[in-house]
Structures are given as structure tokens and as C-alpha cells.
Amino acid sequence: MSSVANDISVGRRALRRSVNERIRSVSEGPGSDTIDVFCECGRVRCAERVRIPITEFDETVGDTGRPIVVRGHA
């Protein structure tokens, strides 16, 4: 992957993470055990969603900083 393509991929991941964190911030309330967030892979046309328990999202994003991705995406 070229440096430019890698920069674009990193930018996509950062944008999707920002959107997902915003989704998380408005997801509090009764009965909200899970949230639907965007896959944070670097694929250009990926618009897949991931349903994830809020606690798992918080642990993954907060503790490890790992991206939330659909199985098979990188």
C-alpha cells in the first residue's frame, strides 16, 4: 500500500472512530445494552455496521484503542 493510500485509510479509521464515539455518547438510557456502530476498517466503500455491547465497545475503545471492525475486515 502506498503512503498516500495508507494516510487515507488512517483518516477513514479516525473519522469512523469519531462518529462511533458520538453514537456512544448519545446511547445512554434505559434498555440500551448494545449499540450499532460503523466498521472502522480502512476500506473505501465500507458502510457495514457492527452491533456491539456498550461495555465491550467501552473496553475495546478505551482500554486497548483497537478498531471495531466487521469480521474479515482489516
C-alpha atoms as a PDB file:
ATOM      1  CA  MET A   1       0.000   0.000   0.000  1.00  0.00           C
ATOM      2  CA  SER A   2       1.364   3.418  -0.884  1.00  0.00           C
ATOM      3  CA  SER A   3       1.957   6.084   1.718  1.00  0.00           C
ATOM      4  CA  VAL A   4      -0.925   8.192   0.354  1.00  0.00           C
ATOM      5  CA  ALA A   5      -3.319   5.233   0.415  1.00  0.00           C
ATOM      6  CA  ASN A   6      -2.224   4.400   3.946  1.00  0.00           C
ATOM      7  CA  ASP A   7      -2.815   8.014   5.051  1.00  0.00           C
ATOM      8  CA  ILE A   8      -6.319   7.904   3.554  1.00  0.00           C
ATOM      9  CA  SER A   9      -7.035   4.594   5.295  1.00  0.00           C
ATOM     10  CA  VAL A  10      -5.884   6.022   8.640  1.00  0.00           C
ATOM     11  CA  GLY A  11      -8.052   9.093   8.045  1.00  0.00           C
ATOM     12  CA  ARG A  12     -11.102   6.911   7.381  1.00  0.00           C
ATOM     13  CA  ARG A  13     -10.500   4.967  10.575  1.00  0.00           C
ATOM     14  CA  ALA A  14     -10.194   8.186  12.574  1.00  0.00           C
ATOM     15  CA  LEU A  15     -13.384   9.610  11.080  1.00  0.00           C
ATOM     16  CA  ARG A  16     -15.354   6.436  11.748  1.00  0.00           C
ATOM     17  CA  ARG A  17     -13.990   6.281  15.303  1.00  0.00           C
ATOM     18  CA  SER A  18     -15.119   9.858  15.866  1.00  0.00           C
ATOM     19  CA  VAL A  19     -18.609   9.062  14.560  1.00  0.00           C
ATOM     20  CA  ASN A  20     -18.768   5.901  16.686  1.00  0.00           C
ATOM     21  CA  GLU A  21     -17.728   7.780  19.809  1.00  0.00           C
ATOM     22  CA  ARG A  22     -20.504  10.283  19.125  1.00  0.00           C
ATOM     23  CA  ILE A  23     -23.010   7.434  18.695  1.00  0.00           C
ATOM     24  CA  ARG A  24     -21.787   6.032  22.005  1.00  0.00           C
ATOM     25  CA  SER A  25     -22.163   9.380  23.760  1.00  0.00           C
ATOM     26  CA  VAL A  26     -25.865   9.597  22.874  1.00  0.00           C
ATOM     27  CA  SER A  27     -26.631   5.933  23.561  1.00  0.00           C
ATOM     28  CA  GLU A  28     -27.258   6.124  27.281  1.00  0.00           C
ATOM     29  CA  GLY A  29     -30.665   5.286  28.604  1.00  0.00           C
ATOM     30  CA  PRO A  30     -32.933   2.501  29.736  1.00  0.00           C
ATOM     31  CA  GLY A  31     -32.671  -0.662  27.691  1.00  0.00           C
ATOM     32  CA  SER A  32     -29.557   0.400  25.826  1.00  0.00           C
ATOM     33  CA  ASP A  33     -27.254  -2.581  26.321  1.00  0.00           C
ATOM     34  CA  THR A  34     -25.950  -2.597  22.745  1.00  0.00           C
ATOM     35  CA  ILE A  35     -25.165  -0.029  20.075  1.00  0.00           C
ATOM     36  CA  ASP A  36     -24.791  -0.151  16.308  1.00  0.00           C
ATOM     37  CA  VAL A  37     -21.563   1.479  15.166  1.00  0.00           C
ATOM     38  CA  PHE A  38     -19.734   1.739  11.853  1.00  0.00           C
ATOM     39  CA  CYS A  39     -16.964  -0.664  10.919  1.00  0.00           C
ATOM     40  CA  GLU A  40     -13.678   1.165  11.474  1.00  0.00           C
ATOM     41  CA  CYS A  41     -11.753  -0.608   8.719  1.00  0.00           C
ATOM     42  CA  GLY A  42      -9.966   1.474   6.126  1.00  0.00           C
ATOM     43  CA  ARG A  43     -11.959   0.208   3.127  1.00  0.00           C
ATOM     44  CA  VAL A  44     -13.169   2.980   0.847  1.00  0.00           C
ATOM     45  CA  ARG A  45     -16.757   1.850   0.396  1.00  0.00           C
ATOM     46  CA  CYS A  46     -17.335   0.028   3.660  1.00  0.00           C
ATOM     47  CA  ALA A  47     -20.590   1.053   5.287  1.00  0.00           C
ATOM     48  CA  GLU A  48     -21.036  -2.092   7.385  1.00  0.00           C
ATOM     49  CA  ARG A  49     -22.423  -1.779  10.866  1.00  0.00           C
ATOM     50  CA  VAL A  50     -21.396  -3.669  13.982  1.00  0.00           C
ATOM     51  CA  ARG A  51     -23.820  -4.360  16.829  1.00  0.00           C
ATOM     52  CA  ILE A  52     -21.755  -4.489  19.988  1.00  0.00           C
ATOM     53  CA  PRO A  53     -22.495  -4.453  23.714  1.00  0.00           C
ATOM     54  CA  ILE A  54     -21.798  -0.993  25.137  1.00  0.00           C
ATOM     55  CA  THR A  55     -19.474  -2.435  27.760  1.00  0.00           C
ATOM     56  CA  GLU A  56     -17.432  -4.209  25.074  1.00  0.00           C
ATOM     57  CA  PHE A  57     -17.257  -1.011  22.993  1.00  0.00           C
ATOM     58  CA  ASP A  58     -16.022   0.927  26.022  1.00  0.00           C
ATOM     59  CA  GLU A  59     -13.404  -1.726  26.852  1.00  0.00           C
ATOM     60  CA  THR A  60     -12.167  -2.062  23.275  1.00  0.00           C
ATOM     61  CA  VAL A  61     -12.013   1.633  22.501  1.00  0.00           C
ATOM     62  CA  GLY A  62     -10.996   2.918  25.911  1.00  0.00           C
ATOM     63  CA  ASP A  63      -8.654   0.249  27.188  1.00  0.00           C
ATOM     64  CA  THR A  64      -6.975  -1.030  24.043  1.00  0.00           C
ATOM     65  CA  GLY A  65      -7.682   1.570  21.367  1.00  0.00           C
ATOM     66  CA  ARG A  66      -8.303  -1.267  18.906  1.00  0.00           C
ATOM     67  CA  PRO A  67     -10.626  -0.526  15.983  1.00  0.00           C
ATOM     68  CA  ILE A  68     -14.113  -2.014  15.895  1.00  0.00           C
ATOM     69  CA  VAL A  69     -14.306  -3.950  12.612  1.00  0.00           C
ATOM     70  CA  VAL A  70     -16.576  -6.438  10.895  1.00  0.00           C
ATOM     71  CA  ARG A  71     -15.123  -9.928  10.918  1.00  0.00           C
ATOM     72  CA  GLY A  72     -12.774 -10.309   7.950  1.00  0.00           C
ATOM     73  CA  HIS A  73     -12.099  -6.568   7.581  1.00  0.00           C
ATOM     74  CA  ALA A  74      -8.760  -5.071   8.487  1.00  0.00           C
END
